[in-house]
PDB file of N, CA and C in Angstrom:
ATOM      1  N   GLN A   1     114.067  87.080  80.934  1.00  0.00           N
ATOM      2  CA  GLN A   1     114.040  87.294  82.368  1.00  0.00           C
ATOM      3  C   GLN A   1     112.977  88.340  82.709  1.00  0.00           C
ATOM      4  N   VAL A   2     112.156  88.031  83.704  1.00  0.00           N
ATOM      5  CA  VAL A   2     111.120  88.945  84.142  1.00  0.00           C
ATOM      6  C   VAL A   2     111.748  90.051  84.966  1.00  0.00           C
ATOM      7  N   GLN A   3     111.453  91.293  84.597  1.00  0.00           N
ATOM      8  CA  GLN A   3     111.940  92.431  85.357  1.00  0.00           C
ATOM      9  C   GLN A   3     110.760  93.236  85.859  1.00  0.00           C
ATOM     10  N   LEU A   4     110.697  93.415  87.160  1.00  0.00           N
ATOM     11  CA  LEU A   4     109.620  94.138  87.812  1.00  0.00           C
ATOM     12  C   LEU A   4     110.238  95.101  88.811  1.00  0.00           C
ATOM     13  N   VAL A   5     109.876  96.370  88.716  1.00  0.00           N
ATOM     14  CA  VAL A   5     110.429  97.380  89.611  1.00  0.00           C
ATOM     15  C   VAL A   5     109.283  98.130  90.268  1.00  0.00           C
ATOM     16  N   GLU A   6     109.192  97.977  91.584  1.00  0.00           N
ATOM     17  CA  GLU A   6     108.129  98.620  92.360  1.00  0.00           C
ATOM     18  C   GLU A   6     108.624  99.932  92.964  1.00  0.00           C
ATOM     19  N   SER A   7     107.699 100.876  93.121  1.00  0.00           N
ATOM     20  CA  SER A   7     108.037 102.154  93.748  1.00  0.00           C
ATOM     21  C   SER A   7     106.790 102.765  94.360  1.00  0.00           C
ATOM     22  N   GLY A   8     106.981 103.778  95.186  1.00  0.00           N
ATOM     23  CA  GLY A   8     105.866 104.555  95.694  1.00  0.00           C
ATOM     24  C   GLY A   8     105.508 104.342  97.152  1.00  0.00           C
ATOM     25  N   GLY A   9     106.183 103.429  97.813  1.00  0.00           N
ATOM     26  CA  GLY A   9     105.866 103.196  99.220  1.00  0.00           C
ATOM     27  C   GLY A   9     106.332 104.334 100.104  1.00  0.00           C
ATOM     28  N   GLY A  10     106.010 104.222 101.377  1.00  0.00           N
ATOM     29  CA  GLY A  10     106.426 105.241 102.328  1.00  0.00           C
ATOM     30  C   GLY A  10     105.727 105.080 103.647  1.00  0.00           C
ATOM     31  N   LEU A  11     105.867 106.104 104.471  1.00  0.00           N
ATOM     32  CA  LEU A  11     105.240 106.151 105.788  1.00  0.00           C
ATOM     33  C   LEU A  11     104.050 107.097 105.732  1.00  0.00           C
ATOM     34  N   VAL A  12     102.914 106.642 106.201  1.00  0.00           N
ATOM     35  CA  VAL A  12     101.701 107.445 106.164  1.00  0.00           C
ATOM     36  C   VAL A  12     100.885 107.171 107.412  1.00  0.00           C
ATOM     37  N   GLN A  13     100.112 108.155 107.834  1.00  0.00           N
ATOM     38  CA  GLN A  13      99.231 107.959 108.981  1.00  0.00           C
ATOM     39  C   GLN A  13      97.981 107.189 108.568  1.00  0.00           C
ATOM     40  N   ALA A  14      97.387 106.534 109.528  1.00  0.00           N
ATOM     41  CA  ALA A  14      96.144 105.826 109.274  1.00  0.00           C
ATOM     42  C   ALA A  14      95.120 106.788 108.659  1.00  0.00           C
ATOM     43  N   GLY A  15      94.417 106.292 107.640  1.00  0.00           N
ATOM     44  CA  GLY A  15      93.466 107.128 106.918  1.00  0.00           C
ATOM     45  C   GLY A  15      94.047 107.795 105.701  1.00  0.00           C
ATOM     46  N   GLY A  16      95.359 107.755 105.571  1.00  0.00           N
ATOM     47  CA  GLY A  16      96.021 108.390 104.450  1.00  0.00           C
ATOM     48  C   GLY A  16      96.022 107.538 103.200  1.00  0.00           C
ATOM     49  N   SER A  17      96.723 108.032 102.182  1.00  0.00           N
ATOM     50  CA  SER A  17      96.754 107.380 100.880  1.00  0.00           C
ATOM     51  C   SER A  17      98.176 107.270 100.352  1.00  0.00           C
ATOM     52  N   LEU A  18      98.389 106.259  99.543  1.00  0.00           N
ATOM     53  CA  LEU A  18      99.631 106.091  98.801  1.00  0.00           C
ATOM     54  C   LEU A  18      99.293 105.503  97.446  1.00  0.00           C
ATOM     55  N   ARG A  19     100.172 105.756  96.487  1.00  0.00           N
ATOM     56  CA  ARG A  19     100.012 105.173  95.148  1.00  0.00           C
ATOM     57  C   ARG A  19     101.295 104.437  94.800  1.00  0.00           C
ATOM     58  N   LEU A  20     101.160 103.151  94.565  1.00  0.00           N
ATOM     59  CA  LEU A  20     102.299 102.323  94.188  1.00  0.00           C
ATOM     60  C   LEU A  20     102.319 102.135  92.677  1.00  0.00           C
ATOM     61  N   SER A  21     103.519 102.012  92.137  1.00  0.00           N
ATOM     62  CA  SER A  21     103.673 101.753  90.709  1.00  0.00           C
ATOM     63  C   SER A  21     104.646 100.612  90.489  1.00  0.00           C
ATOM     64  N   CYS A  22     104.428  99.885  89.417  1.00  0.00           N
ATOM     65  CA  CYS A  22     105.315  98.786  89.050  1.00  0.00           C
ATOM     66  C   CYS A  22     105.514  98.839  87.543  1.00  0.00           C
ATOM     67  N   VAL A  23     106.768  98.872  87.145  1.00  0.00           N
ATOM     68  CA  VAL A  23     107.097  98.840  85.726  1.00  0.00           C
ATOM     69  C   VAL A  23     107.643  97.459  85.396  1.00  0.00           C
ATOM     70  N   ALA A  24     107.117  96.885  84.330  1.00  0.00           N
ATOM     71  CA  ALA A  24     107.539  95.546  83.912  1.00  0.00           C
ATOM     72  C   ALA A  24     108.100  95.599  82.492  1.00  0.00           C
ATOM     73  N   SER A  25     108.887  94.613  82.172  1.00  0.00           N
ATOM     74  CA  SER A  25     109.368  94.508  80.799  1.00  0.00           C
ATOM     75  C   SER A  25     108.191  94.194  79.883  1.00  0.00           C
ATOM     76  N   ALA A  26     108.208  94.781  78.704  1.00  0.00           N
ATOM     77  CA  ALA A  26     107.060  94.714  77.799  1.00  0.00           C
ATOM     78  C   ALA A  26     106.697  93.292  77.407  1.00  0.00           C
ATOM     79  N   SER A  27     107.689  92.467  77.264  1.00  0.00           N
ATOM     80  CA  SER A  27     107.436  91.110  76.764  1.00  0.00           C
ATOM     81  C   SER A  27     106.577  90.295  77.712  1.00  0.00           C
ATOM     82  N   ILE A  28     106.616  90.632  79.000  1.00  0.00           N
ATOM     83  CA  ILE A  28     105.848  89.823  79.946  1.00  0.00           C
ATOM     84  C   ILE A  28     104.615  90.556  80.430  1.00  0.00           C
ATOM     85  N   PHE A  29     104.546  91.854  80.218  1.00  0.00           N
ATOM     86  CA  PHE A  29     103.451  92.623  80.798  1.00  0.00           C
ATOM     87  C   PHE A  29     102.139  92.434  80.044  1.00  0.00           C
ATOM     88  N   ARG A  30     102.160  92.663  78.761  1.00  0.00           N
ATOM     89  CA  ARG A  30     100.900  92.842  78.035  1.00  0.00           C
ATOM     90  C   ARG A  30      99.983  91.633  77.999  1.00  0.00           C
ATOM     91  N   PRO A  31     100.501  90.438  77.850  1.00  0.00           N
ATOM     92  CA  PRO A  31      99.565  89.318  77.794  1.00  0.00           C
ATOM     93  C   PRO A  31      99.133  88.776  79.141  1.00  0.00           C
ATOM     94  N   ASN A  32      99.715  89.273  80.200  1.00  0.00           N
ATOM     95  CA  ASN A  32      99.527  88.630  81.488  1.00  0.00           C
ATOM     96  C   ASN A  32      98.646  89.401  82.449  1.00  0.00           C
ATOM     97  N   VAL A  33      97.956  88.633  83.297  1.00  0.00           N
ATOM     98  CA  VAL A  33      97.355  89.201  84.492  1.00  0.00           C
ATOM     99  C   VAL A  33      98.500  89.713  85.362  1.00  0.00           C
ATOM    100  N   MET A  34      98.341  90.899  85.902  1.00  0.00           N
ATOM    101  CA  MET A  34      99.340  91.466  86.795  1.00  0.00           C
ATOM    102  C   MET A  34      98.732  91.607  88.183  1.00  0.00           C
ATOM    103  N   GLY A  35      99.527  91.339  89.190  1.00  0.00           N
ATOM    104  CA  GLY A  35      99.006  91.393  90.548  1.00  0.00           C
ATOM    105  C   GLY A  35      99.900  92.154  91.497  1.00  0.00           C
ATOM    106  N   TRP A  36      99.295  92.663  92.550  1.00  0.00           N
ATOM    107  CA  TRP A  36     100.012  93.257  93.672  1.00  0.00           C
ATOM    108  C   TRP A  36      99.897  92.311  94.860  1.00  0.00           C
ATOM    109  N   TYR A  37     101.013  92.029  95.471  1.00  0.00           N
ATOM    110  CA  TYR A  37     101.100  91.179  96.642  1.00  0.00           C
ATOM    111  C   TYR A  37     101.674  91.991  97.801  1.00  0.00           C
ATOM    112  N   ARG A  38     101.478  91.478  99.004  1.00  0.00           N
ATOM    113  CA  ARG A  38     102.126  92.094 100.153  1.00  0.00           C
ATOM    114  C   ARG A  38     102.529  91.020 101.150  1.00  0.00           C
ATOM    115  N   GLN A  39     103.571  91.352 101.898  1.00  0.00           N
ATOM    116  CA  GLN A  39     104.040  90.459 102.949  1.00  0.00           C
ATOM    117  C   GLN A  39     104.339  91.276 104.190  1.00  0.00           C
ATOM    118  N   ALA A  40     103.576  91.007 105.223  1.00  0.00           N
ATOM    119  CA  ALA A  40     103.786  91.660 106.512  1.00  0.00           C
ATOM    120  C   ALA A  40     104.746  90.820 107.341  1.00  0.00           C
ATOM    121  N   PRO A  41     105.419  91.425 108.314  1.00  0.00           N
ATOM    122  CA  PRO A  41     106.358  90.670 109.147  1.00  0.00           C
ATOM    123  C   PRO A  41     105.692  89.460 109.789  1.00  0.00           C
ATOM    124  N   GLY A  42     106.314  88.312 109.636  1.00  0.00           N
ATOM    125  CA  GLY A  42     105.809  87.102 110.256  1.00  0.00           C
ATOM    126  C   GLY A  42     104.622  86.469 109.555  1.00  0.00           C
ATOM    127  N   LYS A  43     104.241  87.009 108.405  1.00  0.00           N
ATOM    128  CA  LYS A  43     103.088  86.470 107.689  1.00  0.00           C
ATOM    129  C   LYS A  43     103.477  86.036 106.284  1.00  0.00           C
ATOM    130  N   GLN A  44     102.642  85.219 105.708  1.00  0.00           N
ATOM    131  CA  GLN A  44     102.875  84.779 104.334  1.00  0.00           C
ATOM    132  C   GLN A  44     102.510  85.888 103.351  1.00  0.00           C
ATOM    133  N   ARG A  45     103.147  85.833 102.213  1.00  0.00           N
ATOM    134  CA  ARG A  45     102.824  86.786 101.151  1.00  0.00           C
ATOM    135  C   ARG A  45     101.411  86.500 100.651  1.00  0.00           C
ATOM    136  N   GLU A  46     100.650  87.563 100.391  1.00  0.00           N
ATOM    137  CA  GLU A  46      99.276  87.391  99.937  1.00  0.00           C
ATOM    138  C   GLU A  46      98.989  88.294  98.740  1.00  0.00           C
ATOM    139  N   LEU A  47      98.088  87.825  97.894  1.00  0.00           N
ATOM    140  CA  LEU A  47      97.637  88.616  96.758  1.00  0.00           C
ATOM    141  C   LEU A  47      96.584  89.604  97.243  1.00  0.00           C
ATOM    142  N   VAL A  48      96.764  90.875  96.945  1.00  0.00           N
ATOM    143  CA  VAL A  48      95.772  91.855  97.379  1.00  0.00           C
ATOM    144  C   VAL A  48      94.920  92.357  96.216  1.00  0.00           C
ATOM    145  N   ALA A  49      95.459  92.363  95.009  1.00  0.00           N
ATOM    146  CA  ALA A  49      94.692  92.826  93.854  1.00  0.00           C
ATOM    147  C   ALA A  49      95.363  92.341  92.581  1.00  0.00           C
ATOM    148  N   SER A  50      94.553  92.146  91.554  1.00  0.00           N
ATOM    149  CA  SER A  50      95.107  91.773  90.257  1.00  0.00           C
ATOM    150  C   SER A  50      94.212  92.321  89.161  1.00  0.00           C
ATOM    151  N   MET A  51      94.782  92.400  87.953  1.00  0.00           N
ATOM    152  CA  MET A  51      94.017  92.921  86.825  1.00  0.00           C
ATOM    153  C   MET A  51      94.437  92.203  85.554  1.00  0.00           C
ATOM    154  N   THR A  52      93.437  91.819  84.762  1.00  0.00           N
ATOM    155  CA  THR A  52      93.720  91.172  83.486  1.00  0.00           C
ATOM    156  C   THR A  52      94.174  92.214  82.465  1.00  0.00           C
ATOM    157  N   SER A  53      94.598  91.749  81.336  1.00  0.00           N
ATOM    158  CA  SER A  53      95.070  92.647  80.281  1.00  0.00           C
ATOM    159  C   SER A  53      93.946  93.511  79.710  1.00  0.00           C
ATOM    160  N   VAL A  54      92.703  93.094  79.936  1.00  0.00           N
ATOM    161  CA  VAL A  54      91.567  93.871  79.429  1.00  0.00           C
ATOM    162  C   VAL A  54      90.845  94.616  80.548  1.00  0.00           C
ATOM    163  N   GLY A  55      91.423  94.607  81.744  1.00  0.00           N
ATOM    164  CA  GLY A  55      90.919  95.475  82.790  1.00  0.00           C
ATOM    165  C   GLY A  55      89.995  94.878  83.825  1.00  0.00           C
ATOM    166  N   SER A  56      89.819  93.592  83.852  1.00  0.00           N
ATOM    167  CA  SER A  56      89.013  92.985  84.907  1.00  0.00           C
ATOM    168  C   SER A  56      89.840  92.874  86.175  1.00  0.00           C
ATOM    169  N   ALA A  57      89.266  93.327  87.280  1.00  0.00           N
ATOM    170  CA  ALA A  57      90.016  93.418  88.533  1.00  0.00           C
ATOM    171  C   ALA A  57      89.506  92.433  89.571  1.00  0.00           C
ATOM    172  N   TYR A  58      90.443  92.016  90.400  1.00  0.00           N
ATOM    173  CA  TYR A  58      90.149  91.201  91.580  1.00  0.00           C
ATOM    174  C   TYR A  58      90.740  91.911  92.789  1.00  0.00           C
ATOM    175  N   TYR A  59      90.004  91.862  93.922  1.00  0.00           N
ATOM    176  CA  TYR A  59      90.498  92.437  95.166  1.00  0.00           C
ATOM    177  C   TYR A  59      90.303  91.449  96.302  1.00  0.00           C
ATOM    178  N   ALA A  60      91.263  91.373  97.177  1.00  0.00           N
ATOM    179  CA  ALA A  60      91.086  90.632  98.411  1.00  0.00           C
ATOM    180  C   ALA A  60      90.049  91.348  99.268  1.00  0.00           C
ATOM    181  N   ASP A  61      89.342  90.595 100.078  1.00  0.00           N
ATOM    182  CA  ASP A  61      88.297  91.172 100.913  1.00  0.00           C
ATOM    183  C   ASP A  61      88.840  92.275 101.810  1.00  0.00           C
ATOM    184  N   SER A  62      90.060  92.114 102.261  1.00  0.00           N
ATOM    185  CA  SER A  62      90.635  93.058 103.213  1.00  0.00           C
ATOM    186  C   SER A  62      90.897  94.443 102.615  1.00  0.00           C
ATOM    187  N   VAL A  63      90.938  94.546 101.289  1.00  0.00           N
ATOM    188  CA  VAL A  63      91.255  95.828 100.667  1.00  0.00           C
ATOM    189  C   VAL A  63      90.149  96.338  99.747  1.00  0.00           C
ATOM    190  N   ARG A  64      89.160  95.498  99.496  1.00  0.00           N
ATOM    191  CA  ARG A  64      88.108  95.898  98.554  1.00  0.00           C
ATOM    192  C   ARG A  64      87.419  97.162  99.057  1.00  0.00           C
ATOM    193  N   GLY A  65      87.237  98.103  98.139  1.00  0.00           N
ATOM    194  CA  GLY A  65      86.610  99.374  98.499  1.00  0.00           C
ATOM    195  C   GLY A  65      87.601 100.439  98.943  1.00  0.00           C
ATOM    196  N   ARG A  66      88.843 100.038  99.221  1.00  0.00           N
ATOM    197  CA  ARG A  66      89.877 100.993  99.647  1.00  0.00           C
ATOM    198  C   ARG A  66      91.014 101.087  98.629  1.00  0.00           C
ATOM    199  N   PHE A  67      91.337  99.977  97.987  1.00  0.00           N
ATOM    200  CA  PHE A  67      92.430  99.936  97.020  1.00  0.00           C
ATOM    201  C   PHE A  67      91.860  99.853  95.612  1.00  0.00           C
ATOM    202  N   THR A  68      92.556 100.450  94.662  1.00  0.00           N
ATOM    203  CA  THR A  68      92.170 100.383  93.262  1.00  0.00           C
ATOM    204  C   THR A  68      93.394 100.056  92.418  1.00  0.00           C
ATOM    205  N   ILE A  69      93.290  98.981  91.660  1.00  0.00           N
ATOM    206  CA  ILE A  69      94.374  98.596  90.768  1.00  0.00           C
ATOM    207  C   ILE A  69      94.078  99.128  89.366  1.00  0.00           C
ATOM    208  N   SER A  70      95.121  99.532  88.673  1.00  0.00           N
ATOM    209  CA  SER A  70      94.963  99.988  87.294  1.00  0.00           C
ATOM    210  C   SER A  70      96.222  99.612  86.530  1.00  0.00           C
ATOM    211  N   ARG A  71      96.118  99.606  85.225  1.00  0.00           N
ATOM    212  CA  ARG A  71      97.294  99.292  84.420  1.00  0.00           C
ATOM    213  C   ARG A  71      97.295 100.150  83.177  1.00  0.00           C
ATOM    214  N   ASP A  72      98.483 100.477  82.742  1.00  0.00           N
ATOM    215  CA  ASP A  72      98.672 101.235  81.513  1.00  0.00           C
ATOM    216  C   ASP A  72      99.479 100.342  80.575  1.00  0.00           C
ATOM    217  N   ASN A  73      98.816  99.728  79.630  1.00  0.00           N
ATOM    218  CA  ASN A  73      99.495  98.773  78.762  1.00  0.00           C
ATOM    219  C   ASN A  73     100.529  99.447  77.864  1.00  0.00           C
ATOM    220  N   ALA A  74     100.327 100.717  77.572  1.00  0.00           N
ATOM    221  CA  ALA A  74     101.287 101.433  76.735  1.00  0.00           C
ATOM    222  C   ALA A  74     102.595 101.693  77.464  1.00  0.00           C
ATOM    223  N   LYS A  75     102.507 101.799  78.787  1.00  0.00           N
ATOM    224  CA  LYS A  75     103.705 102.077  79.596  1.00  0.00           C
ATOM    225  C   LYS A  75     104.177 100.867  80.380  1.00  0.00           C
ATOM    226  N   ASN A  76     103.519  99.726  80.185  1.00  0.00           N
ATOM    227  CA  ASN A  76     103.889  98.493  80.901  1.00  0.00           C
ATOM    228  C   ASN A  76     103.918  98.728  82.408  1.00  0.00           C
ATOM    229  N   THR A  77     102.913  99.424  82.890  1.00  0.00           N
ATOM    230  CA  THR A  77     102.860  99.814  84.284  1.00  0.00           C
ATOM    231  C   THR A  77     101.563  99.349  84.923  1.00  0.00           C
ATOM    232  N   VAL A  78     101.665  98.865  86.146  1.00  0.00           N
ATOM    233  CA  VAL A  78     100.485  98.556  86.940  1.00  0.00           C
ATOM    234  C   VAL A  78     100.588  99.349  88.235  1.00  0.00           C
ATOM    235  N   ASN A  79      99.492  99.982  88.606  1.00  0.00           N
ATOM    236  CA  ASN A  79      99.465 100.859  89.772  1.00  0.00           C
ATOM    237  C   ASN A  79      98.502 100.332  90.823  1.00  0.00           C
ATOM    238  N   LEU A  80      98.737 100.743  92.050  1.00  0.00           N
ATOM    239  CA  LEU A  80      97.830 100.402  93.143  1.00  0.00           C
ATOM    240  C   LEU A  80      97.585 101.670  93.954  1.00  0.00           C
ATOM    241  N   GLN A  81      96.395 102.209  93.840  1.00  0.00           N
ATOM    242  CA  GLN A  81      95.990 103.366  94.634  1.00  0.00           C
ATOM    243  C   GLN A  81      95.415 102.851  95.943  1.00  0.00           C
ATOM    244  N   MET A  82      96.021 103.266  97.036  1.00  0.00           N
ATOM    245  CA  MET A  82      95.616 102.775  98.348  1.00  0.00           C
ATOM    246  C   MET A  82      95.080 103.941  99.162  1.00  0.00           C
ATOM    247  N   ASN A  83      93.807 103.874  99.493  1.00  0.00           N
ATOM    248  CA  ASN A  83      93.155 104.915 100.289  1.00  0.00           C
ATOM    249  C   ASN A  83      92.702 104.339 101.624  1.00  0.00           C
ATOM    250  N   SER A  84      92.393 105.225 102.543  1.00  0.00           N
ATOM    251  CA  SER A  84      91.905 104.813 103.875  1.00  0.00           C
ATOM    252  C   SER A  84      92.812 103.746 104.476  1.00  0.00           C
ATOM    253  N   LEU A  85      94.088 104.001 104.432  1.00  0.00           N
ATOM    254  CA  LEU A  85      95.048 103.002 104.898  1.00  0.00           C
ATOM    255  C   LEU A  85      94.917 102.745 106.385  1.00  0.00           C
ATOM    256  N   LYS A  86      95.174 101.488 106.747  1.00  0.00           N
ATOM    257  CA  LYS A  86      95.090 101.037 108.130  1.00  0.00           C
ATOM    258  C   LYS A  86      96.457 100.514 108.561  1.00  0.00           C
ATOM    259  N   PRO A  87      96.719 100.497 109.863  1.00  0.00           N
ATOM    260  CA  PRO A  87      97.995  99.939 110.317  1.00  0.00           C
ATOM    261  C   PRO A  87      98.220  98.509 109.820  1.00  0.00           C
ATOM    262  N   GLU A  88      97.161  97.741 109.688  1.00  0.00           N
ATOM    263  CA  GLU A  88      97.305  96.360 109.223  1.00  0.00           C
ATOM    264  C   GLU A  88      97.664  96.255 107.745  1.00  0.00           C
ATOM    265  N   ASP A  89      97.685  97.372 107.040  1.00  0.00           N
ATOM    266  CA  ASP A  89      98.164  97.370 105.658  1.00  0.00           C
ATOM    267  C   ASP A  89      99.693  97.463 105.587  1.00  0.00           C
ATOM    268  N   THR A  90     100.321  97.663 106.720  1.00  0.00           N
ATOM    269  CA  THR A  90     101.779  97.745 106.749  1.00  0.00           C
ATOM    270  C   THR A  90     102.404  96.446 106.254  1.00  0.00           C
ATOM    271  N   ALA A  91     103.254  96.567 105.255  1.00  0.00           N
ATOM    272  CA  ALA A  91     103.859  95.391 104.627  1.00  0.00           C
ATOM    273  C   ALA A  91     104.819  95.851 103.534  1.00  0.00           C
ATOM    274  N   VAL A  92     105.572  94.914 103.012  1.00  0.00           N
ATOM    275  CA  VAL A  92     106.310  95.152 101.780  1.00  0.00           C
ATOM    276  C   VAL A  92     105.405  94.719 100.627  1.00  0.00           C
ATOM    277  N   TYR A  93     105.237  95.598  99.665  1.00  0.00           N
ATOM    278  CA  TYR A  93     104.352  95.346  98.535  1.00  0.00           C
ATOM    279  C   TYR A  93     105.175  95.013  97.291  1.00  0.00           C
ATOM    280  N   TYR A  94     104.733  94.000  96.594  1.00  0.00           N
ATOM    281  CA  TYR A  94     105.407  93.519  95.394  1.00  0.00           C
ATOM    282  C   TYR A  94     104.403  93.408  94.249  1.00  0.00           C
ATOM    283  N   CYS A  95     104.868  93.580  93.043  1.00  0.00           N
ATOM    284  CA  CYS A  95     104.037  93.204  91.903  1.00  0.00           C
ATOM    285  C   CYS A  95     104.614  91.927  91.287  1.00  0.00           C
ATOM    286  N   ASN A  96     103.769  91.173  90.660  1.00  0.00           N
ATOM    287  CA  ASN A  96     104.211  89.959  89.991  1.00  0.00           C
ATOM    288  C   ASN A  96     103.089  89.411  89.126  1.00  0.00           C
ATOM    289  N   ILE A  97     103.357  88.316  88.508  1.00  0.00           N
ATOM    290  CA  ILE A  97     102.415  87.665  87.600  1.00  0.00           C
ATOM    291  C   ILE A  97     101.834  86.460  88.301  1.00  0.00           C
ATOM    292  N   PRO A  98     100.541  86.493  88.609  1.00  0.00           N
ATOM    293  CA  PRO A  98      99.947  85.379  89.358  1.00  0.00           C
ATOM    294  C   PRO A  98     100.210  84.014  88.728  1.00  0.00           C
ATOM    295  N   ARG A  99     100.238  83.942  87.418  1.00  0.00           N
ATOM    296  CA  ARG A  99     100.490  82.653  86.751  1.00  0.00           C
ATOM    297  C   ARG A  99     101.851  82.084  87.178  1.00  0.00           C
ATOM    298  N   LEU A 100     102.834  82.953  87.316  1.00  0.00           N
ATOM    299  CA  LEU A 100     104.156  82.485  87.722  1.00  0.00           C
ATOM    300  C   LEU A 100     104.203  82.197  89.221  1.00  0.00           C
ATOM    301  N   VAL A 101     103.530  83.034  89.999  1.00  0.00           N
ATOM    302  CA  VAL A 101     103.514  82.836  91.443  1.00  0.00           C
ATOM    303  C   VAL A 101     102.845  81.508  91.784  1.00  0.00           C
ATOM    304  N   ASN A 102     101.701  81.271  91.166  1.00  0.00           N
ATOM    305  CA  ASN A 102     100.949  80.048  91.445  1.00  0.00           C
ATOM    306  C   ASN A 102     101.709  78.807  90.981  1.00  0.00           C
ATOM    307  N   GLY A 103     102.569  78.981  89.985  1.00  0.00           N
ATOM    308  CA  GLY A 103     103.377  77.866  89.498  1.00  0.00           C
ATOM    309  C   GLY A 103     104.710  77.746  90.203  1.00  0.00           C
ATOM    310  N   ASN A 104     104.914  78.583  91.240  1.00  0.00           N
ATOM    311  CA  ASN A 104     106.146  78.554  92.036  1.00  0.00           C
ATOM    312  C   ASN A 104     107.395  78.787  91.183  1.00  0.00           C
ATOM    313  N   ILE A 105     107.271  79.593  90.148  1.00  0.00           N
ATOM    314  CA  ILE A 105     108.429  79.898  89.318  1.00  0.00           C
ATOM    315  C   ILE A 105     108.670  81.399  89.220  1.00  0.00           C
ATOM    316  N   ALA A 106     108.016  82.156  90.095  1.00  0.00           N
ATOM    317  CA  ALA A 106     108.185  83.612  90.060  1.00  0.00           C
ATOM    318  C   ALA A 106     109.456  84.025  90.790  1.00  0.00           C
ATOM    319  N   SER A 107     110.119  85.028  90.252  1.00  0.00           N
ATOM    320  CA  SER A 107     111.197  85.680  90.992  1.00  0.00           C
ATOM    321  C   SER A 107     110.651  87.016  91.478  1.00  0.00           C
ATOM    322  N   TRP A 108     111.172  87.472  92.598  1.00  0.00           N
ATOM    323  CA  TRP A 108     110.628  88.649  93.250  1.00  0.00           C
ATOM    324  C   TRP A 108     111.630  89.793  93.243  1.00  0.00           C
ATOM    325  N   GLY A 109     111.109  90.996  93.046  1.00  0.00           N
ATOM    326  CA  GLY A 109     111.941  92.177  93.159  1.00  0.00           C
ATOM    327  C   GLY A 109     112.102  92.564  94.613  1.00  0.00           C
ATOM    328  N   GLN A 110     112.617  93.765  94.829  1.00  0.00           N
ATOM    329  CA  GLN A 110     112.842  94.229  96.199  1.00  0.00           C
ATOM    330  C   GLN A 110     111.557  94.682  96.877  1.00  0.00           C
ATOM    331  N   GLY A 111     110.535  94.965  96.099  1.00  0.00           N
ATOM    332  CA  GLY A 111     109.304  95.453  96.675  1.00  0.00           C
ATOM    333  C   GLY A 111     109.432  96.890  97.163  1.00  0.00           C
ATOM    334  N   THR A 112     108.342  97.394  97.714  1.00  0.00           N
ATOM    335  CA  THR A 112     108.338  98.745  98.265  1.00  0.00           C
ATOM    336  C   THR A 112     107.621  98.714  99.614  1.00  0.00           C
ATOM    337  N   GLN A 113     108.254  99.306 100.614  1.00  0.00           N
ATOM    338  CA  GLN A 113     107.738  99.258 101.980  1.00  0.00           C
ATOM    339  C   GLN A 113     106.620 100.276 102.174  1.00  0.00           C
ATOM    340  N   VAL A 114     105.520  99.800 102.730  1.00  0.00           N
ATOM    341  CA  VAL A 114     104.412 100.667 103.133  1.00  0.00           C
ATOM    342  C   VAL A 114     104.256 100.526 104.638  1.00  0.00           C
ATOM    343  N   THR A 115     104.331 101.638 105.329  1.00  0.00           N
ATOM    344  CA  THR A 115     104.174 101.647 106.770  1.00  0.00           C
ATOM    345  C   THR A 115     103.062 102.616 107.134  1.00  0.00           C
ATOM    346  N   VAL A 116     102.061 102.119 107.837  1.00  0.00           N
ATOM    347  CA  VAL A 116     100.921 102.938 108.243  1.00  0.00           C
ATOM    348  C   VAL A 116     100.941 103.063 109.764  1.00  0.00           C
ATOM    349  N   SER A 117     101.067 104.276 110.226  1.00  0.00           N
ATOM    350  CA  SER A 117     101.110 104.511 111.676  1.00  0.00           C
ATOM    351  C   SER A 117      99.713 104.807 112.197  1.00  0.00           C
ATOM    352  N   SER A 118      99.500 104.409 113.441  1.00  0.00           N
ATOM    353  CA  SER A 118      98.168 104.618 114.048  1.00  0.00           C
ATOM    354  C   SER A 118      98.072 105.967 114.726  1.00  0.00           C
TER     355      SER A 118
END
């Protein structure tokens, strides 16, 4: 069973920063691309960043240059450093494995709420 636990969200003013963390079970973390997703009210969940096991990163256009994804394979952790936050970044943020998401077999944790005030 895939276990993913997100943390680090909160309320921040526009222009501020937050750092999200996700801890995964070791068996599923190390070989897989890990991704951060978000879902805003009334919108579909979207992939905002992902990183391969060897450190190659992908960013959605909306966050490129502001967000930085990183992973610590020794701690089975993937992080998302979010800078220059905007109100439109407000959403529940989740981590997951894109391979499972794209195959419609992913289960989702509770996520962590990020709220950016203007």
